[in-house]
Amino acid sequence: MIPRTLAAAAADLAAGPRPVLFLDTCDLLNLLQVVTTIPVRELRAVNHLLDALAAAPRCCQPVVT
């Protein structure tokens, strides 16, 4: 379940501590717009992160701004 309020998110993290991953939606849009100029190494890192989150969704808490 995705916490819908700040209080719910804080309670969820307190109950199951894990790293917080902050994502900026502008960064994601930039990635899509300039995919031809991003080094392959960085794209592999993004794929590795997505694979890790798919395998263990509670390994970190993504936060999107």
C-alpha atoms as a PDB file:
ATOM      1  CA  MET A   1       0.000   0.000   0.000  1.00  0.00           C
ATOM      2  CA  ILE A   2       1.279   3.466  -0.874  1.00  0.00           C
ATOM      3  CA  PRO A   3       0.996   5.959   2.023  1.00  0.00           C
ATOM      4  CA  ARG A   4      -1.296   8.827   1.052  1.00  0.00           C
ATOM      5  CA  THR A   5      -0.367  11.314   3.774  1.00  0.00           C
ATOM      6  CA  LEU A   6       2.888  12.504   5.291  1.00  0.00           C
ATOM      7  CA  ALA A   7       1.860  11.041   8.658  1.00  0.00           C
ATOM      8  CA  ALA A   8       1.109   7.661   7.057  1.00  0.00           C
ATOM      9  CA  ALA A   9       4.455   7.703   5.225  1.00  0.00           C
ATOM     10  CA  ALA A  10       6.319   8.549   8.442  1.00  0.00           C
ATOM     11  CA  ALA A  11       4.536   5.749  10.306  1.00  0.00           C
ATOM     12  CA  ASP A  12       5.303   3.311   7.478  1.00  0.00           C
ATOM     13  CA  LEU A  13       9.020   4.201   7.522  1.00  0.00           C
ATOM     14  CA  ALA A  14       9.148   4.009  11.330  1.00  0.00           C
ATOM     15  CA  ALA A  15       7.569   0.546  11.221  1.00  0.00           C
ATOM     16  CA  GLY A  16       9.931  -0.698   8.492  1.00  0.00           C
ATOM     17  CA  PRO A  17      13.088   1.454   8.268  1.00  0.00           C
ATOM     18  CA  ARG A  18      14.698   1.504   4.824  1.00  0.00           C
ATOM     19  CA  PRO A  19      16.601   3.962   2.619  1.00  0.00           C
ATOM     20  CA  VAL A  20      14.596   6.730   0.998  1.00  0.00           C
ATOM     21  CA  LEU A  21      15.121   7.316  -2.723  1.00  0.00           C
ATOM     22  CA  PHE A  22      14.160  10.824  -3.850  1.00  0.00           C
ATOM     23  CA  LEU A  23      13.166  11.114  -7.509  1.00  0.00           C
ATOM     24  CA  ASP A  24      12.529  14.387  -9.286  1.00  0.00           C
ATOM     25  CA  THR A  25       9.992  14.040 -12.090  1.00  0.00           C
ATOM     26  CA  CYS A  26      11.934  16.634 -14.115  1.00  0.00           C
ATOM     27  CA  ASP A  27      14.941  14.299 -14.091  1.00  0.00           C
ATOM     28  CA  LEU A  28      12.780  11.475 -15.411  1.00  0.00           C
ATOM     29  CA  LEU A  29      11.398  13.690 -18.184  1.00  0.00           C
ATOM     30  CA  ASN A  30      14.912  14.845 -19.092  1.00  0.00           C
ATOM     31  CA  LEU A  31      15.990  11.231 -19.322  1.00  0.00           C
ATOM     32  CA  LEU A  32      13.222  10.509 -21.812  1.00  0.00           C
ATOM     33  CA  GLN A  33      13.892  13.631 -23.864  1.00  0.00           C
ATOM     34  CA  VAL A  34      17.657  13.251 -24.240  1.00  0.00           C
ATOM     35  CA  VAL A  35      18.053   9.499 -24.164  1.00  0.00           C
ATOM     36  CA  THR A  36      20.538   9.642 -27.034  1.00  0.00           C
ATOM     37  CA  THR A  37      22.978  11.796 -25.052  1.00  0.00           C
ATOM     38  CA  ILE A  38      22.943   9.874 -21.760  1.00  0.00           C
ATOM     39  CA  PRO A  39      25.903   7.550 -21.295  1.00  0.00           C
ATOM     40  CA  VAL A  40      25.091   3.846 -21.504  1.00  0.00           C
ATOM     41  CA  ARG A  41      26.620   3.358 -18.032  1.00  0.00           C
ATOM     42  CA  GLU A  42      23.973   5.651 -16.500  1.00  0.00           C
ATOM     43  CA  LEU A  43      21.146   3.903 -18.333  1.00  0.00           C
ATOM     44  CA  ARG A  44      22.423   0.565 -17.031  1.00  0.00           C
ATOM     45  CA  ALA A  45      22.400   1.984 -13.500  1.00  0.00           C
ATOM     46  CA  VAL A  46      18.767   3.057 -13.941  1.00  0.00           C
ATOM     47  CA  ASN A  47      17.848  -0.414 -15.222  1.00  0.00           C
ATOM     48  CA  HIS A  48      19.669  -2.022 -12.289  1.00  0.00           C
ATOM     49  CA  LEU A  49      17.708   0.159  -9.857  1.00  0.00           C
ATOM     50  CA  LEU A  50      14.394  -0.679 -11.541  1.00  0.00           C
ATOM     51  CA  ASP A  51      15.208  -4.406 -11.470  1.00  0.00           C
ATOM     52  CA  ALA A  52      16.105  -4.210  -7.778  1.00  0.00           C
ATOM     53  CA  LEU A  53      12.868  -2.383  -6.953  1.00  0.00           C
ATOM     54  CA  ALA A  54      10.821  -4.896  -8.938  1.00  0.00           C
ATOM     55  CA  ALA A  55      12.459  -7.827  -7.122  1.00  0.00           C
ATOM     56  CA  ALA A  56      12.159  -6.294  -3.636  1.00  0.00           C
ATOM     57  CA  PRO A  57       9.720  -3.360  -3.630  1.00  0.00           C
ATOM     58  CA  ARG A  58      10.250  -2.643   0.079  1.00  0.00           C
ATOM     59  CA  CYS A  59      14.069  -2.401  -0.216  1.00  0.00           C
ATOM     60  CA  CYS A  60      13.716   1.386  -0.274  1.00  0.00           C
ATOM     61  CA  GLN A  61      11.004   4.016  -0.154  1.00  0.00           C
ATOM     62  CA  PRO A  62      10.747   5.959  -3.428  1.00  0.00           C
ATOM     63  CA  VAL A  63       9.582   9.559  -2.990  1.00  0.00           C
ATOM     64  CA  VAL A  64       8.619  11.513  -6.106  1.00  0.00           C
ATOM     65  CA  THR A  65       8.579  15.307  -6.095  1.00  0.00           C
END
